[in-house]
Structures are given as structure tokens and as C-alpha cells.
Amino acid sequence: MWRELVVPSNLNLESLGHILVVVMGWEGYHLHHFIKGYDYYAIPDEEFGGEDPFGGLFGPSPVKNHDSRDYTVGDLLSRKRSWIDYEYDFGDSWEHRVTVADTRKYVKGEERKVELIAGANACPPEDCGGVWGYEELLESLKRPQSKRAKEFRQWLGYTFDPTEFDLEEMKLDVDLYNK
């Protein structure tokens, strides 16, 4: 499963995170962050004031927290093949590698917009239990009449097809960010 997007370099990381949720087909009700080395980019947790939630209990942390609204794609992904990790849903822990395939300059007056160019396969259903739960779901689909497959279908409320991906429909969802 993969997606290919065009995004302007002035798009902030928080907006990129929301777009990634959309192109994955998720609802977006889980926490997420970007990771580059020891730097984490997310909306700060007000409860902890953006500090180490363990209060230094385990010694000084090398991790530096940054507000994802204050950094753009161009700040961290300025060269071809540069990358950043993105994690969505800290319970299921869906980890993604966001990699720059190519860069280009905008022509003066050209509209900077987000575009979905290509993709393949459905994303795992939200709250399916991470990699292990998704593997169990896929295994159950091989035996559609099994009790577990019926339980999954009832839980999902629809028949899940891991190969399904409607590029044109997903493009319409992504285009909402350009309005």
C-alpha cells in the first residue's frame, strides 16, 4: 500500500499529517507525529507543556519536541530522497516513511496545491489492532465463511477488500485542502 502526492514546500507539517490521514482513508481521530532523528513534531500536549511526560525520571531525554504547525515540508524535506517518519495512532502505531521523490520550482503566479498522483491498495482499517491485527484480518479473509471473518465483517460494517483503491475518489477528498 502506498500513495504519491505533490505538496507545496510551504505546507506545514500538521497540515501534511491531516492530508496523510485522508489519503490513507482514516478518520483522523488519533494522535500523530513526525520524527526526524531525535526531533519530534506534533501539536504540543498542554498537559505536559510539551515537556518530557516522565519528568526526567529516566534521565535527560535526547528527544526535542517541536510544534508541527511551526515547520513546513520545505524546512525538513528540501532535497530529493530526503525523508521523515510519520506515526499515526500510537496504539496501533502505523508508521510511514515520507520520502521526497522529486522537487521543482514553482513558476511565478502558479497555484501551489496538494495533489494525489497515484496509489495502490486500501489502508488497514482504523483500530484494527496494528500490524498484528491487520495480519489477522487478512488471514480471516482467506476463509470468508469462518467465524472470525464474520466477526470482522460485523465489526467493520462493510466488506473489506485490501486491494481496493479508488484514485479518482481519493483525489476529490484531497482537493478539499486546496479550497
C-alpha atoms as a PDB file:
ATOM      1  CA  MET A   1       0.000   0.000   0.000  1.00  0.00           C
ATOM      2  CA  TRP A   2       1.417   3.391  -0.983  1.00  0.00           C
ATOM      3  CA  ARG A   3       0.465   6.905  -2.019  1.00  0.00           C
ATOM      4  CA  GLU A   4       2.228   9.516  -4.144  1.00  0.00           C
ATOM      5  CA  LEU A   5       1.462  13.182  -3.521  1.00  0.00           C
ATOM      6  CA  VAL A   6       2.550  16.587  -4.723  1.00  0.00           C
ATOM      7  CA  VAL A   7       2.682  19.051  -1.835  1.00  0.00           C
ATOM      8  CA  PRO A   8       3.953  22.626  -1.744  1.00  0.00           C
ATOM      9  CA  SER A   9       7.066  23.239   0.315  1.00  0.00           C
ATOM     10  CA  ASN A  10       5.255  25.897   2.367  1.00  0.00           C
ATOM     11  CA  LEU A  11       2.696  23.384   3.701  1.00  0.00           C
ATOM     12  CA  ASN A  12       3.125  22.985   7.467  1.00  0.00           C
ATOM     13  CA  LEU A  13       3.709  19.522   8.921  1.00  0.00           C
ATOM     14  CA  GLU A  14       0.411  19.491  10.805  1.00  0.00           C
ATOM     15  CA  SER A  15      -1.486  20.011   7.534  1.00  0.00           C
ATOM     16  CA  LEU A  16       0.613  17.314   5.877  1.00  0.00           C
ATOM     17  CA  GLY A  17      -0.367  14.956   8.699  1.00  0.00           C
ATOM     18  CA  HIS A  18      -4.055  15.632   8.067  1.00  0.00           C
ATOM     19  CA  ILE A  19      -3.589  15.019   4.344  1.00  0.00           C
ATOM     20  CA  LEU A  20      -1.792  11.735   5.014  1.00  0.00           C
ATOM     21  CA  VAL A  21      -4.753  10.602   7.123  1.00  0.00           C
ATOM     22  CA  VAL A  22      -7.111  11.445   4.252  1.00  0.00           C
ATOM     23  CA  VAL A  23      -5.108   9.579   1.601  1.00  0.00           C
ATOM     24  CA  MET A  24      -4.887   6.572   3.893  1.00  0.00           C
ATOM     25  CA  GLY A  25      -8.666   6.564   4.249  1.00  0.00           C
ATOM     26  CA  TRP A  26      -8.652   7.049   8.024  1.00  0.00           C
ATOM     27  CA  GLU A  27     -10.870   9.296  10.123  1.00  0.00           C
ATOM     28  CA  GLY A  28      -8.119  11.274  11.857  1.00  0.00           C
ATOM     29  CA  TYR A  29      -9.247  10.924  15.479  1.00  0.00           C
ATOM     30  CA  HIS A  30      -5.913   9.550  16.727  1.00  0.00           C
ATOM     31  CA  LEU A  31      -2.760  11.401  17.722  1.00  0.00           C
ATOM     32  CA  HIS A  32       0.126  11.579  15.292  1.00  0.00           C
ATOM     33  CA  HIS A  33       3.625  12.992  14.986  1.00  0.00           C
ATOM     34  CA  PHE A  34       6.565  13.292  12.622  1.00  0.00           C
ATOM     35  CA  ILE A  35      10.021  12.069  13.612  1.00  0.00           C
ATOM     36  CA  LYS A  36      13.391  13.148  12.228  1.00  0.00           C
ATOM     37  CA  GLY A  37      16.258  11.762  14.291  1.00  0.00           C
ATOM     38  CA  TYR A  38      15.621  12.863  17.887  1.00  0.00           C
ATOM     39  CA  ASP A  39      13.272  15.640  16.806  1.00  0.00           C
ATOM     40  CA  TYR A  40       9.536  15.056  17.193  1.00  0.00           C
ATOM     41  CA  TYR A  41       6.978  17.333  15.513  1.00  0.00           C
ATOM     42  CA  ALA A  42       3.419  17.377  16.850  1.00  0.00           C
ATOM     43  CA  ILE A  43       0.897  19.713  18.396  1.00  0.00           C
ATOM     44  CA  PRO A  44       2.220  20.156  21.960  1.00  0.00           C
ATOM     45  CA  ASP A  45       0.446  18.313  24.738  1.00  0.00           C
ATOM     46  CA  GLU A  46      -0.854  21.063  27.001  1.00  0.00           C
ATOM     47  CA  GLU A  47      -0.996  18.706  29.997  1.00  0.00           C
ATOM     48  CA  PHE A  48       2.774  18.339  29.944  1.00  0.00           C
ATOM     49  CA  GLY A  49       3.569  21.717  28.452  1.00  0.00           C
ATOM     50  CA  GLY A  50       5.392  19.972  25.615  1.00  0.00           C
ATOM     51  CA  GLU A  51       7.947  18.634  28.102  1.00  0.00           C
ATOM     52  CA  ASP A  52       9.037  15.087  28.885  1.00  0.00           C
ATOM     53  CA  PRO A  53       5.920  13.415  30.381  1.00  0.00           C
ATOM     54  CA  PHE A  54       8.175  11.332  32.647  1.00  0.00           C
ATOM     55  CA  GLY A  55       9.701  14.475  34.164  1.00  0.00           C
ATOM     56  CA  GLY A  56      13.268  13.272  33.692  1.00  0.00           C
ATOM     57  CA  LEU A  57      12.544  10.078  35.664  1.00  0.00           C
ATOM     58  CA  PHE A  58      14.693   8.120  33.214  1.00  0.00           C
ATOM     59  CA  GLY A  59      17.407  10.761  32.917  1.00  0.00           C
ATOM     60  CA  PRO A  60      17.730  13.551  30.388  1.00  0.00           C
ATOM     61  CA  SER A  61      15.977  12.849  27.129  1.00  0.00           C
ATOM     62  CA  PRO A  62      17.734  13.477  23.807  1.00  0.00           C
ATOM     63  CA  VAL A  63      14.298  13.982  22.250  1.00  0.00           C
ATOM     64  CA  LYS A  64      13.391  17.510  21.250  1.00  0.00           C
ATOM     65  CA  ASN A  65       9.711  18.326  20.806  1.00  0.00           C
ATOM     66  CA  HIS A  66       8.591  20.869  18.211  1.00  0.00           C
ATOM     67  CA  ASP A  67       5.200  22.277  17.271  1.00  0.00           C
ATOM     68  CA  SER A  68       4.288  20.739  13.901  1.00  0.00           C
ATOM     69  CA  ARG A  69       2.384  23.895  12.958  1.00  0.00           C
ATOM     70  CA  ASP A  70       5.636  25.900  13.031  1.00  0.00           C
ATOM     71  CA  TYR A  71       7.589  23.798  10.489  1.00  0.00           C
ATOM     72  CA  THR A  72       6.974  23.325   6.791  1.00  0.00           C
ATOM     73  CA  VAL A  73       7.653  20.497   4.398  1.00  0.00           C
ATOM     74  CA  GLY A  74      10.433  22.643   2.901  1.00  0.00           C
ATOM     75  CA  ASP A  75      12.071  23.112   6.314  1.00  0.00           C
ATOM     76  CA  LEU A  76      12.667  19.368   6.722  1.00  0.00           C
ATOM     77  CA  LEU A  77      12.332  17.845   3.261  1.00  0.00           C
ATOM     78  CA  SER A  78      14.208  20.120   0.915  1.00  0.00           C
ATOM     79  CA  ARG A  79      16.176  17.627  -1.188  1.00  0.00           C
ATOM     80  CA  LYS A  80      15.370  14.641  -3.368  1.00  0.00           C
ATOM     81  CA  ARG A  81      15.408  11.405  -1.324  1.00  0.00           C
ATOM     82  CA  SER A  82      15.173  13.277   1.995  1.00  0.00           C
ATOM     83  CA  TRP A  83      12.665  11.666   4.335  1.00  0.00           C
ATOM     84  CA  ILE A  84      10.796  11.934   7.612  1.00  0.00           C
ATOM     85  CA  ASP A  85       8.867   9.324   9.562  1.00  0.00           C
ATOM     86  CA  TYR A  86       5.187   9.776  10.368  1.00  0.00           C
ATOM     87  CA  GLU A  87       3.369   7.797  13.052  1.00  0.00           C
ATOM     88  CA  TYR A  88      -0.416   7.719  13.335  1.00  0.00           C
ATOM     89  CA  ASP A  89      -2.433   6.172  16.188  1.00  0.00           C
ATOM     90  CA  PHE A  90       0.019   5.477  18.984  1.00  0.00           C
ATOM     91  CA  GLY A  91      -1.983   2.371  19.996  1.00  0.00           C
ATOM     92  CA  ASP A  92      -1.944   0.693  16.584  1.00  0.00           C
ATOM     93  CA  SER A  93       1.310   2.502  15.738  1.00  0.00           C
ATOM     94  CA  TRP A  94       1.035   2.934  11.985  1.00  0.00           C
ATOM     95  CA  GLU A  95       4.477   4.057  10.877  1.00  0.00           C
ATOM     96  CA  HIS A  96       5.073   5.641   7.483  1.00  0.00           C
ATOM     97  CA  ARG A  97       8.179   6.835   5.697  1.00  0.00           C
ATOM     98  CA  VAL A  98       7.525  10.074   3.795  1.00  0.00           C
ATOM     99  CA  THR A  99      10.183  10.435   1.094  1.00  0.00           C
ATOM    100  CA  VAL A 100      10.772  13.216  -1.427  1.00  0.00           C
ATOM    101  CA  ALA A 101      10.743  11.663  -4.897  1.00  0.00           C
ATOM    102  CA  ASP A 102      11.401  14.915  -6.721  1.00  0.00           C
ATOM    103  CA  THR A 103      11.469  18.682  -6.250  1.00  0.00           C
ATOM    104  CA  ARG A 104      10.650  21.515  -8.606  1.00  0.00           C
ATOM    105  CA  LYS A 105      10.383  25.289  -8.564  1.00  0.00           C
ATOM    106  CA  TYR A 106       7.021  26.991  -8.919  1.00  0.00           C
ATOM    107  CA  VAL A 107       6.525  29.421 -11.767  1.00  0.00           C
ATOM    108  CA  LYS A 108       5.529  32.908 -10.644  1.00  0.00           C
ATOM    109  CA  GLY A 109       1.760  33.036 -10.216  1.00  0.00           C
ATOM    110  CA  GLU A 110       1.381  29.255 -10.286  1.00  0.00           C
ATOM    111  CA  GLU A 111      -1.107  27.948  -7.736  1.00  0.00           C
ATOM    112  CA  ARG A 112       0.503  25.874  -5.010  1.00  0.00           C
ATOM    113  CA  LYS A 113      -1.783  22.960  -4.277  1.00  0.00           C
ATOM    114  CA  VAL A 114      -1.852  19.447  -2.912  1.00  0.00           C
ATOM    115  CA  GLU A 115      -2.406  16.690  -5.461  1.00  0.00           C
ATOM    116  CA  LEU A 116      -2.710  12.944  -5.187  1.00  0.00           C
ATOM    117  CA  ILE A 117      -0.976  11.439  -8.206  1.00  0.00           C
ATOM    118  CA  ALA A 118      -1.081   7.687  -7.614  1.00  0.00           C
ATOM    119  CA  GLY A 119      -1.535   4.964  -5.056  1.00  0.00           C
ATOM    120  CA  ALA A 120      -2.346   1.320  -4.580  1.00  0.00           C
ATOM    121  CA  ASN A 121      -4.354  -0.824  -2.183  1.00  0.00           C
ATOM    122  CA  ALA A 122      -6.566   0.036   0.761  1.00  0.00           C
ATOM    123  CA  CYS A 123      -5.087   1.133   4.044  1.00  0.00           C
ATOM    124  CA  PRO A 124      -5.683  -1.086   7.067  1.00  0.00           C
ATOM    125  CA  PRO A 125      -8.988  -0.290   8.774  1.00  0.00           C
ATOM    126  CA  GLU A 126      -8.757   2.156  11.653  1.00  0.00           C
ATOM    127  CA  ASP A 127      -8.446   0.497  15.094  1.00  0.00           C
ATOM    128  CA  CYS A 128      -7.827  -2.972  13.651  1.00  0.00           C
ATOM    129  CA  GLY A 129      -5.021  -3.653  16.128  1.00  0.00           C
ATOM    130  CA  GLY A 130      -1.896  -2.531  14.301  1.00  0.00           C
ATOM    131  CA  VAL A 131       0.214  -4.779  12.106  1.00  0.00           C
ATOM    132  CA  TRP A 132      -0.733  -7.940  14.005  1.00  0.00           C
ATOM    133  CA  GLY A 133      -4.463  -7.211  13.973  1.00  0.00           C
ATOM    134  CA  TYR A 134      -4.289  -6.361  10.283  1.00  0.00           C
ATOM    135  CA  GLU A 135      -2.485  -9.638   9.538  1.00  0.00           C
ATOM    136  CA  GLU A 136      -5.219 -11.492  11.435  1.00  0.00           C
ATOM    137  CA  LEU A 137      -7.869  -9.649   9.401  1.00  0.00           C
ATOM    138  CA  LEU A 138      -6.147 -10.571   6.118  1.00  0.00           C
ATOM    139  CA  GLU A 139      -5.809 -14.222   7.179  1.00  0.00           C
ATOM    140  CA  SER A 140      -9.508 -14.370   8.091  1.00  0.00           C
ATOM    141  CA  LEU A 141     -10.435 -13.003   4.652  1.00  0.00           C
ATOM    142  CA  LYS A 142      -8.838 -16.074   3.086  1.00  0.00           C
ATOM    143  CA  ARG A 143     -11.603 -18.093   4.801  1.00  0.00           C
ATOM    144  CA  PRO A 144     -14.652 -15.834   4.275  1.00  0.00           C
ATOM    145  CA  GLN A 145     -17.069 -18.315   5.890  1.00  0.00           C
ATOM    146  CA  SER A 146     -15.033 -18.648   9.084  1.00  0.00           C
ATOM    147  CA  LYS A 147     -16.395 -17.359  12.376  1.00  0.00           C
ATOM    148  CA  ARG A 148     -13.524 -14.833  12.654  1.00  0.00           C
ATOM    149  CA  ALA A 149     -14.139 -13.447   9.142  1.00  0.00           C
ATOM    150  CA  LYS A 150     -17.811 -12.952  10.006  1.00  0.00           C
ATOM    151  CA  GLU A 151     -16.817 -11.175  13.239  1.00  0.00           C
ATOM    152  CA  PHE A 152     -14.509  -8.842  11.311  1.00  0.00           C
ATOM    153  CA  ARG A 153     -17.217  -8.054   8.740  1.00  0.00           C
ATOM    154  CA  GLN A 154     -19.717  -7.321  11.516  1.00  0.00           C
ATOM    155  CA  TRP A 155     -17.195  -5.120  13.367  1.00  0.00           C
ATOM    156  CA  LEU A 156     -16.258  -3.189  10.215  1.00  0.00           C
ATOM    157  CA  GLY A 157     -19.810  -2.842   8.934  1.00  0.00           C
ATOM    158  CA  TYR A 158     -18.619  -3.459   5.378  1.00  0.00           C
ATOM    159  CA  THR A 159     -16.710  -5.983   3.319  1.00  0.00           C
ATOM    160  CA  PHE A 160     -13.039  -5.054   3.362  1.00  0.00           C
ATOM    161  CA  ASP A 161     -11.016  -5.506   0.169  1.00  0.00           C
ATOM    162  CA  PRO A 162      -7.280  -4.917   0.768  1.00  0.00           C
ATOM    163  CA  THR A 163      -6.691  -4.339  -2.966  1.00  0.00           C
ATOM    164  CA  GLU A 164      -9.325  -1.611  -3.295  1.00  0.00           C
ATOM    165  CA  PHE A 165      -8.170   1.910  -4.110  1.00  0.00           C
ATOM    166  CA  ASP A 166     -10.245   4.494  -5.982  1.00  0.00           C
ATOM    167  CA  LEU A 167      -7.760   7.119  -7.161  1.00  0.00           C
ATOM    168  CA  GLU A 168     -10.384   9.493  -8.585  1.00  0.00           C
ATOM    169  CA  GLU A 169     -12.497   9.457  -5.416  1.00  0.00           C
ATOM    170  CA  MET A 170      -9.434   9.978  -3.231  1.00  0.00           C
ATOM    171  CA  LYS A 171      -8.314  12.890  -5.455  1.00  0.00           C
ATOM    172  CA  LEU A 172     -11.628  14.628  -4.701  1.00  0.00           C
ATOM    173  CA  ASP A 173     -11.032  14.215  -0.951  1.00  0.00           C
ATOM    174  CA  VAL A 174      -7.514  15.624  -1.238  1.00  0.00           C
ATOM    175  CA  ASP A 175      -8.691  18.537  -3.392  1.00  0.00           C
ATOM    176  CA  LEU A 176     -10.762  19.809  -0.441  1.00  0.00           C
ATOM    177  CA  TYR A 177      -7.449  21.027   1.061  1.00  0.00           C
ATOM    178  CA  ASN A 178      -6.971  23.357  -1.895  1.00  0.00           C
ATOM    179  CA  LYS A 179     -10.144  25.353  -1.275  1.00  0.00           C
END
